[in-house]
Full PDB file with SEQRES, HELIX, SHEET, SSBOND, CRYST1, ORIGX, SCALE, CONECT and MASTER records, all heavy atoms in Angstrom:
SEQRES   1 A   37  CYS SER SER THR GLN LYS ALA ALA VAL LYS GLU GLN MET          
SEQRES   2 A   37  TYR ASP GLY ALA VAL LEU PHE ASN SER GLN LYS TYR THR          
SEQRES   3 A   37  GLU ALA ILE LYS VAL PHE GLU LYS VAL LEU GLU                  
HELIX    1 AA1 ALA A    7  ASN A   21  1                                  15    
HELIX    2 AA2 TYR A   25  LEU A   36  1                                  12    
CRYST1    1.000    1.000    1.000  90.00  90.00  90.00 P 1           1          
ORIGX1      1.000000  0.000000  0.000000        0.00000                         
ORIGX2      0.000000  1.000000  0.000000        0.00000                         
ORIGX3      0.000000  0.000000  1.000000        0.00000                         
SCALE1      1.000000  0.000000  0.000000        0.00000                         
SCALE2      0.000000  1.000000  0.000000        0.00000                         
SCALE3      0.000000  0.000000  1.000000        0.00000                         
ATOM      1  N   CYS A   1      -0.008  10.226 -23.721  1.00  0.00           N  
ATOM      2  CA  CYS A   1       0.458  11.335 -24.562  1.00  0.00           C  
ATOM      3  C   CYS A   1       0.337  12.679 -23.865  1.00  0.00           C  
ATOM      4  O   CYS A   1       0.035  13.681 -24.494  1.00  0.00           O  
ATOM      5  CB  CYS A   1      -0.330  11.347 -25.877  1.00  0.00           C  
ATOM      6  SG  CYS A   1      -0.057   9.861 -26.864  1.00  0.00           S  
ATOM      7  N   SER A   2       0.552  12.712 -22.556  1.00  0.00           N  
ATOM      8  CA  SER A   2       0.479  13.979 -21.847  1.00  0.00           C  
ATOM      9  C   SER A   2       1.667  14.844 -22.248  1.00  0.00           C  
ATOM     10  O   SER A   2       2.705  14.357 -22.719  1.00  0.00           O  
ATOM     11  CB  SER A   2       0.474  13.740 -20.338  1.00  0.00           C  
ATOM     12  OG  SER A   2       1.701  13.178 -19.953  1.00  0.00           O  
ATOM     13  N   SER A   3       1.526  16.142 -22.049  1.00  0.00           N  
ATOM     14  CA  SER A   3       2.555  17.100 -22.480  1.00  0.00           C  
ATOM     15  C   SER A   3       3.856  16.922 -21.717  1.00  0.00           C  
ATOM     16  O   SER A   3       4.917  17.326 -22.189  1.00  0.00           O  
ATOM     17  CB  SER A   3       2.023  18.518 -22.299  1.00  0.00           C  
ATOM     18  OG  SER A   3       1.670  18.740 -20.958  1.00  0.00           O  
ATOM     19  N   THR A   4       3.795  16.325 -20.519  1.00  0.00           N  
ATOM     20  CA  THR A   4       4.991  16.190 -19.680  1.00  0.00           C  
ATOM     21  C   THR A   4       5.708  14.862 -19.870  1.00  0.00           C  
ATOM     22  O   THR A   4       6.742  14.619 -19.270  1.00  0.00           O  
ATOM     23  CB  THR A   4       4.595  16.326 -18.195  1.00  0.00           C  
ATOM     24  OG1 THR A   4       3.630  15.332 -17.884  1.00  0.00           O  
ATOM     25  CG2 THR A   4       4.009  17.698 -17.917  1.00  0.00           C  
ATOM     26  N   GLN A   5       5.148  14.010 -20.678  1.00  0.00           N  
ATOM     27  CA  GLN A   5       5.756  12.690 -20.836  1.00  0.00           C  
ATOM     28  C   GLN A   5       7.015  12.769 -21.679  1.00  0.00           C  
ATOM     29  O   GLN A   5       7.037  13.419 -22.723  1.00  0.00           O  
ATOM     30  CB  GLN A   5       4.760  11.729 -21.485  1.00  0.00           C  
ATOM     31  CG  GLN A   5       5.258  10.289 -21.465  1.00  0.00           C  
ATOM     32  CD  GLN A   5       4.201   9.351 -21.975  1.00  0.00           C  
ATOM     33  OE1 GLN A   5       3.516   9.684 -22.919  1.00  0.00           O  
ATOM     34  NE2 GLN A   5       4.064   8.217 -21.338  1.00  0.00           N  
ATOM     35  N   LYS A   6       8.045  12.110 -21.248  1.00  0.00           N  
ATOM     36  CA  LYS A   6       9.317  12.168 -21.950  1.00  0.00           C  
ATOM     37  C   LYS A   6       9.297  11.289 -23.183  1.00  0.00           C  
ATOM     38  O   LYS A   6       8.640  10.257 -23.239  1.00  0.00           O  
ATOM     39  CB  LYS A   6      10.440  11.715 -21.024  1.00  0.00           C  
ATOM     40  CG  LYS A   6      10.648  12.642 -19.836  1.00  0.00           C  
ATOM     41  CD  LYS A   6      11.757  12.130 -18.953  1.00  0.00           C  
ATOM     42  CE  LYS A   6      11.972  13.053 -17.758  1.00  0.00           C  
ATOM     43  NZ  LYS A   6      13.043  12.555 -16.878  1.00  0.00           N  
ATOM     44  N   ALA A   7      10.049  11.668 -24.164  1.00  0.00           N  
ATOM     45  CA  ALA A   7      10.138  10.894 -25.404  1.00  0.00           C  
ATOM     46  C   ALA A   7      10.695   9.505 -25.139  1.00  0.00           C  
ATOM     47  O   ALA A   7      10.361   8.538 -25.826  1.00  0.00           O  
ATOM     48  CB  ALA A   7      11.024  11.632 -26.407  1.00  0.00           C  
ATOM     49  N   ALA A   8      11.508   9.408 -24.074  1.00  0.00           N  
ATOM     50  CA  ALA A   8      12.114   8.111 -23.755  1.00  0.00           C  
ATOM     51  C   ALA A   8      11.056   7.072 -23.391  1.00  0.00           C  
ATOM     52  O   ALA A   8      11.207   5.885 -23.705  1.00  0.00           O  
ATOM     53  CB  ALA A   8      13.096   8.274 -22.605  1.00  0.00           C  
ATOM     54  N   VAL A   9       9.975   7.516 -22.748  1.00  0.00           N  
ATOM     55  CA  VAL A   9       8.905   6.595 -22.370  1.00  0.00           C  
ATOM     56  C   VAL A   9       8.234   6.029 -23.619  1.00  0.00           C  
ATOM     57  O   VAL A   9       7.991   4.826 -23.728  1.00  0.00           O  
ATOM     58  CB  VAL A   9       7.870   7.298 -21.465  1.00  0.00           C  
ATOM     59  CG1 VAL A   9       6.637   6.434 -21.278  1.00  0.00           C  
ATOM     60  CG2 VAL A   9       8.498   7.624 -20.116  1.00  0.00           C  
ATOM     61  N   LYS A  10       7.969   6.902 -24.589  1.00  0.00           N  
ATOM     62  CA  LYS A  10       7.348   6.446 -25.837  1.00  0.00           C  
ATOM     63  C   LYS A  10       8.249   5.437 -26.547  1.00  0.00           C  
ATOM     64  O   LYS A  10       7.786   4.429 -27.082  1.00  0.00           O  
ATOM     65  CB  LYS A  10       7.084   7.632 -26.753  1.00  0.00           C  
ATOM     66  CG  LYS A  10       5.990   8.575 -26.260  1.00  0.00           C  
ATOM     67  CD  LYS A  10       5.744   9.677 -27.290  1.00  0.00           C  
ATOM     68  CE  LYS A  10       4.672  10.644 -26.798  1.00  0.00           C  
ATOM     69  NZ  LYS A  10       4.408  11.717 -27.779  1.00  0.00           N  
ATOM     70  N   GLU A  11       9.534   5.741 -26.537  1.00  0.00           N  
ATOM     71  CA  GLU A  11      10.486   4.856 -27.213  1.00  0.00           C  
ATOM     72  C   GLU A  11      10.524   3.488 -26.538  1.00  0.00           C  
ATOM     73  O   GLU A  11      10.572   2.450 -27.193  1.00  0.00           O  
ATOM     74  CB  GLU A  11      11.877   5.496 -27.219  1.00  0.00           C  
ATOM     75  CG  GLU A  11      12.881   4.714 -28.037  1.00  0.00           C  
ATOM     76  CD  GLU A  11      14.236   5.413 -28.123  1.00  0.00           C  
ATOM     77  OE1 GLU A  11      14.304   6.632 -27.828  1.00  0.00           O  
ATOM     78  OE2 GLU A  11      15.212   4.742 -28.475  1.00  0.00           O  
ATOM     79  N   GLN A  12      10.486   3.506 -25.201  1.00  0.00           N  
ATOM     80  CA  GLN A  12      10.503   2.244 -24.469  1.00  0.00           C  
ATOM     81  C   GLN A  12       9.207   1.440 -24.696  1.00  0.00           C  
ATOM     82  O   GLN A  12       9.243   0.218 -24.800  1.00  0.00           O  
ATOM     83  CB  GLN A  12      10.694   2.514 -22.973  1.00  0.00           C  
ATOM     84  CG  GLN A  12      12.133   2.874 -22.616  1.00  0.00           C  
ATOM     85  CD  GLN A  12      12.298   3.148 -21.132  1.00  0.00           C  
ATOM     86  OE1 GLN A  12      11.474   3.818 -20.523  1.00  0.00           O  
ATOM     87  NE2 GLN A  12      13.360   2.628 -20.558  1.00  0.00           N  
ATOM     88  N   MET A  13       8.080   2.143 -24.763  1.00  0.00           N  
ATOM     89  CA  MET A  13       6.824   1.454 -25.059  1.00  0.00           C  
ATOM     90  C   MET A  13       6.910   0.775 -26.426  1.00  0.00           C  
ATOM     91  O   MET A  13       6.458  -0.359 -26.603  1.00  0.00           O  
ATOM     92  CB  MET A  13       5.660   2.439 -25.031  1.00  0.00           C  
ATOM     93  CG  MET A  13       5.279   2.919 -23.635  1.00  0.00           C  
ATOM     94  SD  MET A  13       4.505   1.646 -22.614  1.00  0.00           S  
ATOM     95  CE  MET A  13       2.884   1.534 -23.353  1.00  0.00           C  
ATOM     96  N   TYR A  14       7.497   1.466 -27.363  1.00  0.00           N  
ATOM     97  CA  TYR A  14       7.665   0.896 -28.709  1.00  0.00           C  
ATOM     98  C   TYR A  14       8.573  -0.332 -28.649  1.00  0.00           C  
ATOM     99  O   TYR A  14       8.266  -1.385 -29.221  1.00  0.00           O  
ATOM    100  CB  TYR A  14       8.253   1.947 -29.644  1.00  0.00           C  
ATOM    101  CG  TYR A  14       8.467   1.436 -31.052  1.00  0.00           C  
ATOM    102  CD1 TYR A  14       7.457   1.527 -32.005  1.00  0.00           C  
ATOM    103  CD2 TYR A  14       9.683   0.849 -31.420  1.00  0.00           C  
ATOM    104  CE1 TYR A  14       7.661   1.042 -33.299  1.00  0.00           C  
ATOM    105  CE2 TYR A  14       9.887   0.358 -32.696  1.00  0.00           C  
ATOM    106  CZ  TYR A  14       8.868   0.453 -33.634  1.00  0.00           C  
ATOM    107  OH  TYR A  14       9.057  -0.039 -34.901  1.00  0.00           O  
ATOM    108  N   ASP A  15       9.690  -0.202 -27.930  1.00  0.00           N  
ATOM    109  CA  ASP A  15      10.633  -1.318 -27.811  1.00  0.00           C  
ATOM    110  C   ASP A  15       9.953  -2.527 -27.153  1.00  0.00           C  
ATOM    111  O   ASP A  15      10.162  -3.670 -27.571  1.00  0.00           O  
ATOM    112  CB  ASP A  15      11.849  -0.903 -26.983  1.00  0.00           C  
ATOM    113  CG  ASP A  15      12.715   0.128 -27.707  1.00  0.00           C  
ATOM    114  OD1 ASP A  15      12.571   0.253 -28.946  1.00  0.00           O  
ATOM    115  OD2 ASP A  15      13.510   0.805 -27.022  1.00  0.00           O  
ATOM    116  N   GLY A  16       9.147  -2.262 -26.137  1.00  0.00           N  
ATOM    117  CA  GLY A  16       8.443  -3.349 -25.459  1.00  0.00           C  
ATOM    118  C   GLY A  16       7.463  -4.047 -26.378  1.00  0.00           C  
ATOM    119  O   GLY A  16       7.322  -5.281 -26.356  1.00  0.00           O  
ATOM    120  N   ALA A  17       6.777  -3.247 -27.215  1.00  0.00           N  
ATOM    121  CA  ALA A  17       5.819  -3.811 -28.163  1.00  0.00           C  
ATOM    122  C   ALA A  17       6.519  -4.715 -29.168  1.00  0.00           C  
ATOM    123  O   ALA A  17       6.028  -5.790 -29.515  1.00  0.00           O  
ATOM    124  CB  ALA A  17       5.072  -2.697 -28.875  1.00  0.00           C  
ATOM    125  N   VAL A  18       7.680  -4.281 -29.644  1.00  0.00           N  
ATOM    126  CA  VAL A  18       8.445  -5.081 -30.601  1.00  0.00           C  
ATOM    127  C   VAL A  18       8.866  -6.405 -29.966  1.00  0.00           C  
ATOM    128  O   VAL A  18       8.759  -7.479 -30.582  1.00  0.00           O  
ATOM    129  CB  VAL A  18       9.687  -4.299 -31.095  1.00  0.00           C  
ATOM    130  CG1 VAL A  18      10.600  -5.204 -31.919  1.00  0.00           C  
ATOM    131  CG2 VAL A  18       9.253  -3.097 -31.918  1.00  0.00           C  
ATOM    132  N   LEU A  19       9.342  -6.356 -28.732  1.00  0.00           N  
ATOM    133  CA  LEU A  19       9.748  -7.578 -28.030  1.00  0.00           C  
ATOM    134  C   LEU A  19       8.559  -8.515 -27.830  1.00  0.00           C  
ATOM    135  O   LEU A  19       8.672  -9.736 -28.010  1.00  0.00           O  
ATOM    136  CB  LEU A  19      10.370  -7.218 -26.678  1.00  0.00           C  
ATOM    137  CG  LEU A  19      11.750  -6.576 -26.725  1.00  0.00           C  
ATOM    138  CD1 LEU A  19      12.125  -5.981 -25.371  1.00  0.00           C  
ATOM    139  CD2 LEU A  19      12.793  -7.611 -27.164  1.00  0.00           C  
ATOM    140  N   PHE A  20       7.410  -7.943 -27.458  1.00  0.00           N  
ATOM    141  CA  PHE A  20       6.218  -8.772 -27.265  1.00  0.00           C  
ATOM    142  C   PHE A  20       5.828  -9.464 -28.571  1.00  0.00           C  
ATOM    143  O   PHE A  20       5.559 -10.658 -28.608  1.00  0.00           O  
ATOM    144  CB  PHE A  20       5.049  -7.934 -26.747  1.00  0.00           C  
ATOM    145  CG  PHE A  20       3.801  -8.729 -26.484  1.00  0.00           C  
ATOM    146  CD1 PHE A  20       3.541  -9.233 -25.221  1.00  0.00           C  
ATOM    147  CD2 PHE A  20       2.886  -8.985 -27.507  1.00  0.00           C  
ATOM    148  CE1 PHE A  20       2.393  -9.975 -24.981  1.00  0.00           C  
ATOM    149  CE2 PHE A  20       1.740  -9.724 -27.273  1.00  0.00           C  
ATOM    150  CZ  PHE A  20       1.494 -10.225 -26.006  1.00  0.00           C  
ATOM    151  N   ASN A  21       5.790  -8.697 -29.633  1.00  0.00           N  
ATOM    152  CA  ASN A  21       5.389  -9.257 -30.928  1.00  0.00           C  
ATOM    153  C   ASN A  21       6.400 -10.287 -31.437  1.00  0.00           C  
ATOM    154  O   ASN A  21       6.066 -11.118 -32.274  1.00  0.00           O  
ATOM    155  CB  ASN A  21       5.216  -8.145 -31.958  1.00  0.00           C  
ATOM    156  CG  ASN A  21       4.001  -7.279 -31.651  1.00  0.00           C  
ATOM    157  OD1 ASN A  21       3.014  -7.755 -31.103  1.00  0.00           O  
ATOM    158  ND2 ASN A  21       4.072  -6.005 -31.994  1.00  0.00           N  
ATOM    159  N   SER A  22       7.621 -10.236 -30.890  1.00  0.00           N  
ATOM    160  CA  SER A  22       8.645 -11.233 -31.228  1.00  0.00           C  
ATOM    161  C   SER A  22       8.604 -12.399 -30.235  1.00  0.00           C  
ATOM    162  O   SER A  22       9.492 -13.256 -30.255  1.00  0.00           O  
ATOM    163  CB  SER A  22      10.036 -10.593 -31.214  1.00  0.00           C  
ATOM    164  OG  SER A  22      10.117  -9.530 -32.142  1.00  0.00           O  
ATOM    165  N   GLN A  23       7.587 -12.405 -29.365  1.00  0.00           N  
ATOM    166  CA  GLN A  23       7.372 -13.451 -28.361  1.00  0.00           C  
ATOM    167  C   GLN A  23       8.497 -13.502 -27.322  1.00  0.00           C  
ATOM    168  O   GLN A  23       8.720 -14.522 -26.679  1.00  0.00           O  
ATOM    169  CB  GLN A  23       7.197 -14.820 -29.017  1.00  0.00           C  
ATOM    170  CG  GLN A  23       5.989 -14.873 -29.964  1.00  0.00           C  
ATOM    171  CD  GLN A  23       5.758 -16.245 -30.559  1.00  0.00           C  
ATOM    172  OE1 GLN A  23       6.410 -17.216 -30.192  1.00  0.00           O  
ATOM    173  NE2 GLN A  23       4.819 -16.323 -31.480  1.00  0.00           N  
ATOM    174  N   LYS A  24       9.185 -12.382 -27.141  1.00  0.00           N  
ATOM    175  CA  LYS A  24      10.199 -12.283 -26.092  1.00  0.00           C  
ATOM    176  C   LYS A  24       9.555 -11.609 -24.876  1.00  0.00           C  
ATOM    177  O   LYS A  24       9.810 -10.449 -24.558  1.00  0.00           O  
ATOM    178  CB  LYS A  24      11.399 -11.485 -26.603  1.00  0.00           C  
ATOM    179  CG  LYS A  24      12.105 -12.157 -27.784  1.00  0.00           C  
ATOM    180  CD  LYS A  24      13.272 -11.306 -28.288  1.00  0.00           C  
ATOM    181  CE  LYS A  24      13.972 -11.996 -29.462  1.00  0.00           C  
ATOM    182  NZ  LYS A  24      15.101 -11.183 -29.992  1.00  0.00           N  
ATOM    183  N   TYR A  25       8.711 -12.391 -24.208  1.00  0.00           N  
ATOM    184  CA  TYR A  25       7.844 -11.812 -23.184  1.00  0.00           C  
ATOM    185  C   TYR A  25       8.601 -11.370 -21.932  1.00  0.00           C  
ATOM    186  O   TYR A  25       8.275 -10.331 -21.346  1.00  0.00           O  
ATOM    187  CB  TYR A  25       6.755 -12.823 -22.816  1.00  0.00           C  
ATOM    188  CG  TYR A  25       5.975 -13.300 -24.018  1.00  0.00           C  
ATOM    189  CD1 TYR A  25       5.957 -14.640 -24.371  1.00  0.00           C  
ATOM    190  CD2 TYR A  25       5.278 -12.399 -24.817  1.00  0.00           C  
ATOM    191  CE1 TYR A  25       5.259 -15.092 -25.478  1.00  0.00           C  
ATOM    192  CE2 TYR A  25       4.571 -12.831 -25.940  1.00  0.00           C  
ATOM    193  CZ  TYR A  25       4.561 -14.172 -26.265  1.00  0.00           C  
ATOM    194  OH  TYR A  25       3.882 -14.604 -27.372  1.00  0.00           O  
ATOM    195  N   THR A  26       9.598 -12.143 -21.519  1.00  0.00           N  
ATOM    196  CA  THR A  26      10.371 -11.773 -20.324  1.00  0.00           C  
ATOM    197  C   THR A  26      11.105 -10.451 -20.548  1.00  0.00           C  
ATOM    198  O   THR A  26      11.108  -9.561 -19.674  1.00  0.00           O  
ATOM    199  CB  THR A  26      11.375 -12.878 -19.966  1.00  0.00           C  
ATOM    200  OG1 THR A  26      10.668 -14.101 -19.748  1.00  0.00           O  
ATOM    201  CG2 THR A  26      12.146 -12.514 -18.707  1.00  0.00           C  
ATOM    202  N   GLU A  27      11.689 -10.305 -21.736  1.00  0.00           N  
ATOM    203  CA  GLU A  27      12.389  -9.060 -22.054  1.00  0.00           C  
ATOM    204  C   GLU A  27      11.411  -7.895 -22.163  1.00  0.00           C  
ATOM    205  O   GLU A  27      11.703  -6.768 -21.731  1.00  0.00           O  
ATOM    206  CB  GLU A  27      13.162  -9.215 -23.370  1.00  0.00           C  
ATOM    207  CG  GLU A  27      14.347 -10.168 -23.295  1.00  0.00           C  
ATOM    208  CD  GLU A  27      13.953 -11.599 -23.619  1.00  0.00           C  
ATOM    209  OE1 GLU A  27      12.755 -11.954 -23.451  1.00  0.00           O  
ATOM    210  OE2 GLU A  27      14.840 -12.377 -24.027  1.00  0.00           O  
ATOM    211  N   ALA A  28      10.236  -8.162 -22.726  1.00  0.00           N  
ATOM    212  CA  ALA A  28       9.221  -7.114 -22.839  1.00  0.00           C  
ATOM    213  C   ALA A  28       8.791  -6.617 -21.457  1.00  0.00           C  
ATOM    214  O   ALA A  28       8.627  -5.409 -21.243  1.00  0.00           O  
ATOM    215  CB  ALA A  28       8.000  -7.645 -23.603  1.00  0.00           C  
ATOM    216  N   ILE A  29       8.635  -7.540 -20.520  1.00  0.00           N  
ATOM    217  CA  ILE A  29       8.237  -7.164 -19.155  1.00  0.00           C  
ATOM    218  C   ILE A  29       9.252  -6.199 -18.545  1.00  0.00           C  
ATOM    219  O   ILE A  29       8.889  -5.188 -17.931  1.00  0.00           O  
ATOM    220  CB  ILE A  29       8.077  -8.420 -18.278  1.00  0.00           C  
ATOM    221  CG1 ILE A  29       6.824  -9.200 -18.692  1.00  0.00           C  
ATOM    222  CG2 ILE A  29       7.999  -8.041 -16.789  1.00  0.00           C  
ATOM    223  CD1 ILE A  29       6.707 -10.574 -18.064  1.00  0.00           C  
ATOM    224  N   LYS A  30      10.526  -6.492 -18.725  1.00  0.00           N  
ATOM    225  CA  LYS A  30      11.569  -5.638 -18.149  1.00  0.00           C  
ATOM    226  C   LYS A  30      11.487  -4.217 -18.709  1.00  0.00           C  
ATOM    227  O   LYS A  30      11.667  -3.233 -17.976  1.00  0.00           O  
ATOM    228  CB  LYS A  30      12.941  -6.237 -18.434  1.00  0.00           C  
ATOM    229  CG  LYS A  30      13.209  -7.531 -17.667  1.00  0.00           C  
ATOM    230  CD  LYS A  30      14.570  -8.108 -18.037  1.00  0.00           C  
ATOM    231  CE  LYS A  30      14.813  -9.420 -17.277  1.00  0.00           C  
ATOM    232  NZ  LYS A  30      16.108 -10.031 -17.688  1.00  0.00           N  
ATOM    233  N   VAL A  31      11.184  -4.116 -20.009  1.00  0.00           N  
ATOM    234  CA  VAL A  31      11.088  -2.794 -20.629  1.00  0.00           C  
ATOM    235  C   VAL A  31       9.891  -2.033 -20.074  1.00  0.00           C  
ATOM    236  O   VAL A  31       9.984  -0.849 -19.721  1.00  0.00           O  
ATOM    237  CB  VAL A  31      10.988  -2.928 -22.163  1.00  0.00           C  
ATOM    238  CG1 VAL A  31      10.697  -1.562 -22.790  1.00  0.00           C  
ATOM    239  CG2 VAL A  31      12.286  -3.508 -22.733  1.00  0.00           C  
ATOM    240  N   PHE A  32       8.740  -2.713 -19.980  1.00  0.00           N  
ATOM    241  CA  PHE A  32       7.534  -2.047 -19.490  1.00  0.00           C  
ATOM    242  C   PHE A  32       7.645  -1.685 -18.002  1.00  0.00           C  
ATOM    243  O   PHE A  32       7.068  -0.694 -17.555  1.00  0.00           O  
ATOM    244  CB  PHE A  32       6.302  -2.918 -19.727  1.00  0.00           C  
ATOM    245  CG  PHE A  32       5.945  -3.061 -21.185  1.00  0.00           C  
ATOM    246  CD1 PHE A  32       5.786  -4.311 -21.761  1.00  0.00           C  
ATOM    247  CD2 PHE A  32       5.773  -1.937 -21.988  1.00  0.00           C  
ATOM    248  CE1 PHE A  32       5.456  -4.449 -23.100  1.00  0.00           C  
ATOM    249  CE2 PHE A  32       5.447  -2.058 -23.326  1.00  0.00           C  
ATOM    250  CZ  PHE A  32       5.291  -3.316 -23.896  1.00  0.00           C  
ATOM    251  N   GLU A  33       8.414  -2.477 -17.254  1.00  0.00           N  
ATOM    252  CA  GLU A  33       8.646  -2.134 -15.846  1.00  0.00           C  
ATOM    253  C   GLU A  33       9.436  -0.829 -15.736  1.00  0.00           C  
ATOM    254  O   GLU A  33       9.188  -0.012 -14.834  1.00  0.00           O  
ATOM    255  CB  GLU A  33       9.381  -3.273 -15.142  1.00  0.00           C  
ATOM    256  CG  GLU A  33       8.476  -4.465 -14.823  1.00  0.00           C  
ATOM    257  CD  GLU A  33       9.227  -5.620 -14.190  1.00  0.00           C  
ATOM    258  OE1 GLU A  33      10.468  -5.697 -14.366  1.00  0.00           O  
ATOM    259  OE2 GLU A  33       8.577  -6.448 -13.530  1.00  0.00           O  
ATOM    260  N   LYS A  34      10.375  -0.622 -16.648  1.00  0.00           N  
ATOM    261  CA  LYS A  34      11.131   0.633 -16.657  1.00  0.00           C  
ATOM    262  C   LYS A  34      10.230   1.817 -16.982  1.00  0.00           C  
ATOM    263  O   LYS A  34      10.395   2.917 -16.458  1.00  0.00           O  
ATOM    264  CB  LYS A  34      12.274   0.546 -17.663  1.00  0.00           C  
ATOM    265  CG  LYS A  34      13.401  -0.400 -17.237  1.00  0.00           C  
ATOM    266  CD  LYS A  34      14.488  -0.461 -18.293  1.00  0.00           C  
ATOM    267  CE  LYS A  34      15.601  -1.413 -17.873  1.00  0.00           C  
ATOM    268  NZ  LYS A  34      16.660  -1.521 -18.921  1.00  0.00           N  
ATOM    269  N   VAL A  35       9.232   1.554 -17.876  1.00  0.00           N  
ATOM    270  CA  VAL A  35       8.260   2.607 -18.187  1.00  0.00           C  
ATOM    271  C   VAL A  35       7.486   2.987 -16.935  1.00  0.00           C  
ATOM    272  O   VAL A  35       7.278   4.178 -16.644  1.00  0.00           O  
ATOM    273  CB  VAL A  35       7.287   2.146 -19.296  1.00  0.00           C  
ATOM    274  CG1 VAL A  35       6.170   3.165 -19.473  1.00  0.00           C  
ATOM    275  CG2 VAL A  35       8.031   1.933 -20.602  1.00  0.00           C  
ATOM    276  N   LEU A  36       7.056   1.982 -16.162  1.00  0.00           N  
ATOM    277  CA  LEU A  36       6.301   2.253 -14.939  1.00  0.00           C  
ATOM    278  C   LEU A  36       7.129   2.999 -13.905  1.00  0.00           C  
ATOM    279  O   LEU A  36       6.596   3.794 -13.120  1.00  0.00           O  
ATOM    280  CB  LEU A  36       5.765   0.941 -14.342  1.00  0.00           C  
ATOM    281  CG  LEU A  36       4.471   0.394 -14.939  1.00  0.00           C  
ATOM    282  CD1 LEU A  36       4.078  -0.918 -14.260  1.00  0.00           C  
ATOM    283  CD2 LEU A  36       3.330   1.394 -14.805  1.00  0.00           C  
ATOM    284  N   GLU A  37       8.422   2.736 -13.882  1.00  0.00           N  
ATOM    285  CA  GLU A  37       9.294   3.467 -12.953  1.00  0.00           C  
ATOM    286  C   GLU A  37       9.292   4.952 -13.289  1.00  0.00           C  
ATOM    287  O   GLU A  37       9.268   5.811 -12.404  1.00  0.00           O  
ATOM    288  CB  GLU A  37      10.719   2.910 -13.022  1.00  0.00           C  
ATOM    289  CG  GLU A  37      10.867   1.527 -12.394  1.00  0.00           C  
ATOM    290  CD  GLU A  37      12.267   0.960 -12.582  1.00  0.00           C  
ATOM    291  OE1 GLU A  37      13.163   1.728 -13.033  1.00  0.00           O  
ATOM    292  OE2 GLU A  37      12.466  -0.231 -12.294  1.00  0.00           O  
TER     293      GLU A  37                                                      
MASTER        0    0    0    2    0    0    0    6  292    1    0    3          
END                                                                             
């Protein structure tokens, strides 16, 4: 939650969490990798 973090990163983290909780682990990994980029 740093002041410089883009809203897009938060949104992607949320999307990744939803995919994980839906047991779509491969898709979740791809989303979190984009966050790391």
